[in-house]
Amino acid sequence: MAALLQSPARIFKLLGYAYVFYLIVFLWGYDPTDRTVSPPFVLFVLDTVNLFIHEAGHFFFGLFPKWLYIFGGSFLQCFLPLLLLILTWLKNPSQISLPGFWLGENIINVSFYVRDAPVMRLRLIARGVIHDWNWLLSDNLDAAEPLADILFIAGVLICGTAVIWGVATIFARQAKPLIPDL
């Protein structure tokens, strides 16, 4: 495994395959509201990490007003990858593709949660807990679908940009000057 990950080209090739797999799964197959279908293992692991971050957001925002406490889960779920992306950009911009992809993936996850607000079919961590986005949009549940569409498109664009950035970085590193230095 270590030999496979030593070459940046191989890493981004794997990332590209993961991105295509992710798009196929979400755009043409996996529906998180369908309780009869389990997500692929990679998505299960990533979603589990994201769930812990989401729930930590509720914990950290627990001292604030209720709307901020409820919004804090989705906020931290997207803010943490964004913060990692910014810190990576400041340290080494060529490495931002992974936190960028993670940010896009989290925004896509939040879009599914927002879209579920009116119907509440997603499996939550326990019965009887508040559906964050149903509560946040309770006065205007009709806004859930357009907001979810915007978030989903933004997430897909961010994921795609991250993959393109990673591939461009690989080519830029491997490009040789046309005129050799004398």
Protein backbone atom coordinates (compact mmCIF):
# COMPACT_ATOMS: atom_id res chain seq x y z
CA MET A 1 0.00 0.00 0.00
CA ALA A 2 2.83 2.41 0.84
CA ALA A 3 4.40 1.89 -2.59
CA LEU A 4 1.05 2.63 -4.20
CA LEU A 5 0.79 5.96 -2.40
CA GLN A 6 4.38 7.12 -2.98
CA SER A 7 3.70 8.59 -6.39
CA PRO A 8 1.53 11.72 -6.46
CA ALA A 9 0.25 10.62 -9.87
CA ARG A 10 -1.04 7.38 -8.39
CA ILE A 11 -2.66 9.22 -5.49
CA PHE A 12 -4.54 11.54 -7.82
CA LYS A 13 -5.44 8.69 -10.12
CA LEU A 14 -7.00 6.94 -7.12
CA LEU A 15 -8.65 10.22 -6.14
CA GLY A 16 -10.04 10.55 -9.66
CA TYR A 17 -11.45 7.03 -9.53
CA ALA A 18 -12.94 7.80 -6.11
CA TYR A 19 -14.54 10.96 -7.49
CA VAL A 20 -16.07 9.15 -10.46
CA PHE A 21 -17.25 6.36 -8.14
CA TYR A 22 -18.71 8.94 -5.78
CA LEU A 23 -20.58 10.71 -8.58
CA ILE A 24 -21.92 7.43 -9.95
CA VAL A 25 -23.06 6.33 -6.53
CA PHE A 26 -24.78 9.60 -5.65
CA LEU A 27 -26.06 10.70 -9.01
CA TRP A 28 -27.17 7.31 -10.30
CA GLY A 29 -27.72 4.96 -7.48
CA TYR A 30 -27.30 5.47 -3.79
CA ASP A 31 -30.18 7.18 -2.07
CA PRO A 32 -29.46 7.81 1.63
CA THR A 33 -33.20 7.91 2.36
CA ASP A 34 -33.70 4.34 1.07
CA ARG A 35 -33.48 2.22 4.20
CA THR A 36 -33.17 -1.02 2.23
CA VAL A 37 -29.83 -0.03 0.67
CA SER A 38 -26.55 0.23 2.55
CA PRO A 39 -23.90 2.66 1.34
CA PRO A 40 -20.67 1.35 -0.14
CA PHE A 41 -18.02 0.76 2.53
CA VAL A 42 -15.90 3.79 1.58
CA LEU A 43 -18.92 6.07 1.91
CA PHE A 44 -19.93 4.39 5.15
CA VAL A 45 -16.52 5.11 6.72
CA LEU A 46 -16.40 8.68 5.43
CA ASP A 47 -19.99 9.36 6.47
CA THR A 48 -19.27 7.95 9.94
CA VAL A 49 -16.37 10.38 10.39
CA ASN A 50 -18.56 13.20 9.10
CA LEU A 51 -21.36 12.19 11.48
CA PHE A 52 -19.02 12.41 14.48
CA ILE A 53 -17.93 15.87 13.35
CA HIS A 54 -21.57 16.88 12.82
CA GLU A 55 -22.52 15.73 16.32
CA ALA A 56 -19.47 17.48 17.79
CA GLY A 57 -20.84 20.67 16.26
CA HIS A 58 -23.99 20.27 18.35
CA PHE A 59 -21.84 19.72 21.42
CA PHE A 60 -19.65 22.80 20.84
CA PHE A 61 -22.60 25.05 20.03
CA GLY A 62 -24.69 23.72 22.92
CA LEU A 63 -24.16 26.86 25.01
CA PHE A 64 -25.58 29.14 22.34
CA PRO A 65 -29.22 29.80 21.36
CA LYS A 66 -31.19 26.78 20.14
CA TRP A 67 -31.06 27.71 16.43
CA LEU A 68 -27.27 27.98 16.59
CA TYR A 69 -27.05 24.72 18.55
CA ILE A 70 -29.09 22.95 15.84
CA PHE A 71 -27.28 24.66 12.95
CA GLY A 72 -23.90 23.96 14.61
CA GLY A 73 -23.83 20.34 13.44
CA SER A 74 -24.03 21.11 9.73
CA PHE A 75 -21.87 24.19 10.23
CA LEU A 76 -18.97 22.33 11.84
CA GLN A 77 -19.32 19.49 9.33
CA CYS A 78 -18.56 21.98 6.54
CA PHE A 79 -16.39 24.45 8.46
CA LEU A 80 -13.76 21.91 9.56
CA PRO A 81 -12.89 20.83 5.98
CA LEU A 82 -13.00 24.50 4.91
CA LEU A 83 -10.58 25.41 7.69
CA LEU A 84 -8.30 22.55 6.68
CA LEU A 85 -8.48 23.72 3.07
CA ILE A 86 -7.51 27.29 4.07
CA LEU A 87 -4.65 26.15 6.29
CA THR A 88 -3.40 23.81 3.56
CA TRP A 89 -3.62 26.64 1.02
CA LEU A 90 -1.49 28.85 3.25
CA LYS A 91 1.11 26.12 3.80
CA ASN A 92 1.18 24.34 0.43
CA PRO A 93 -1.46 25.24 -2.19
CA SER A 94 -0.62 22.22 -4.32
CA GLN A 95 -2.08 19.95 -1.64
CA ILE A 96 -5.57 21.45 -1.36
CA SER A 97 -7.31 18.85 -3.48
CA LEU A 98 -7.99 16.42 -0.62
CA PRO A 99 -9.46 18.93 1.86
CA GLY A 100 -11.30 20.51 -1.08
CA PHE A 101 -12.83 17.17 -2.01
CA TRP A 102 -13.75 16.54 1.64
CA LEU A 103 -15.43 19.95 1.83
CA GLY A 104 -17.47 19.25 -1.31
CA GLU A 105 -18.43 15.82 -0.04
CA ASN A 106 -19.67 17.32 3.24
CA ILE A 107 -21.69 19.98 1.43
CA ILE A 108 -23.30 17.19 -0.62
CA ASN A 109 -24.10 15.35 2.62
CA VAL A 110 -25.71 18.45 4.09
CA SER A 111 -27.73 18.88 0.88
CA PHE A 112 -29.26 15.42 1.43
CA TYR A 113 -30.10 16.38 5.01
CA VAL A 114 -31.71 19.65 3.88
CA ARG A 115 -33.69 17.90 1.12
CA ASP A 116 -35.02 15.45 3.70
CA ALA A 117 -36.41 18.21 5.96
CA PRO A 118 -40.02 18.11 4.71
CA VAL A 119 -40.35 14.31 4.61
CA MET A 120 -37.92 13.23 7.38
CA ARG A 121 -37.02 9.81 5.93
CA LEU A 122 -33.29 9.80 6.74
CA ARG A 123 -32.10 7.57 9.53
CA LEU A 124 -31.09 9.78 12.44
CA ILE A 125 -28.79 8.68 15.25
CA ALA A 126 -31.74 7.87 17.53
CA ARG A 127 -35.51 7.92 17.51
CA GLY A 128 -37.18 11.04 18.79
CA VAL A 129 -34.27 13.40 18.09
CA ILE A 130 -34.83 16.68 16.28
CA HIS A 131 -34.27 16.67 12.52
CA ASP A 132 -31.99 19.71 12.30
CA TRP A 133 -33.15 21.05 8.99
CA ASN A 134 -36.81 20.32 9.60
CA TRP A 135 -36.56 22.46 12.72
CA LEU A 136 -34.46 25.18 11.04
CA LEU A 137 -36.80 25.42 8.04
CA SER A 138 -40.02 24.72 9.95
CA ASP A 139 -41.51 28.07 8.94
CA ASN A 140 -40.61 27.53 5.28
CA LEU A 141 -40.19 23.86 4.40
CA ASP A 142 -40.78 24.74 0.74
CA ALA A 143 -37.29 26.29 0.75
CA ALA A 144 -35.70 22.91 1.51
CA GLU A 145 -35.57 21.63 -2.07
CA PRO A 146 -34.11 24.77 -3.72
CA LEU A 147 -31.59 25.15 -0.90
CA ALA A 148 -30.64 21.47 -1.19
CA ASP A 149 -30.22 21.87 -4.96
CA ILE A 150 -27.87 24.82 -4.47
CA LEU A 151 -25.84 22.95 -1.85
CA PHE A 152 -25.66 19.80 -3.98
CA ILE A 153 -24.48 21.66 -7.08
CA ALA A 154 -21.94 23.60 -5.00
CA GLY A 155 -20.66 20.35 -3.46
CA VAL A 156 -20.30 18.62 -6.83
CA LEU A 157 -18.51 21.67 -8.27
CA ILE A 158 -16.14 21.82 -5.30
CA CYS A 159 -15.39 18.08 -5.57
CA GLY A 160 -14.80 18.39 -9.30
CA THR A 161 -12.60 21.46 -8.86
CA ALA A 162 -10.57 19.63 -6.22
CA VAL A 163 -9.95 16.70 -8.56
CA ILE A 164 -9.04 19.01 -11.45
CA TRP A 165 -6.72 20.98 -9.14
CA GLY A 166 -5.02 17.77 -8.06
CA VAL A 167 -4.55 16.52 -11.61
CA ALA A 168 -3.28 19.94 -12.75
CA THR A 169 -0.81 19.96 -9.86
CA ILE A 170 0.51 16.55 -10.92
CA PHE A 171 1.00 17.70 -14.50
CA ALA A 172 2.65 20.94 -13.38
CA ARG A 173 5.15 19.01 -11.25
CA GLN A 174 5.97 16.56 -14.00
CA ALA A 175 6.20 19.11 -16.81
CA LYS A 176 9.69 19.59 -18.14
CA PRO A 177 10.79 22.91 -19.60
CA LEU A 178 10.91 23.01 -23.38
CA ILE A 179 14.23 24.83 -23.33
CA PRO A 180 16.82 23.33 -20.99
CA ASP A 181 18.68 25.60 -18.61
CA LEU A 182 22.16 26.45 -19.82
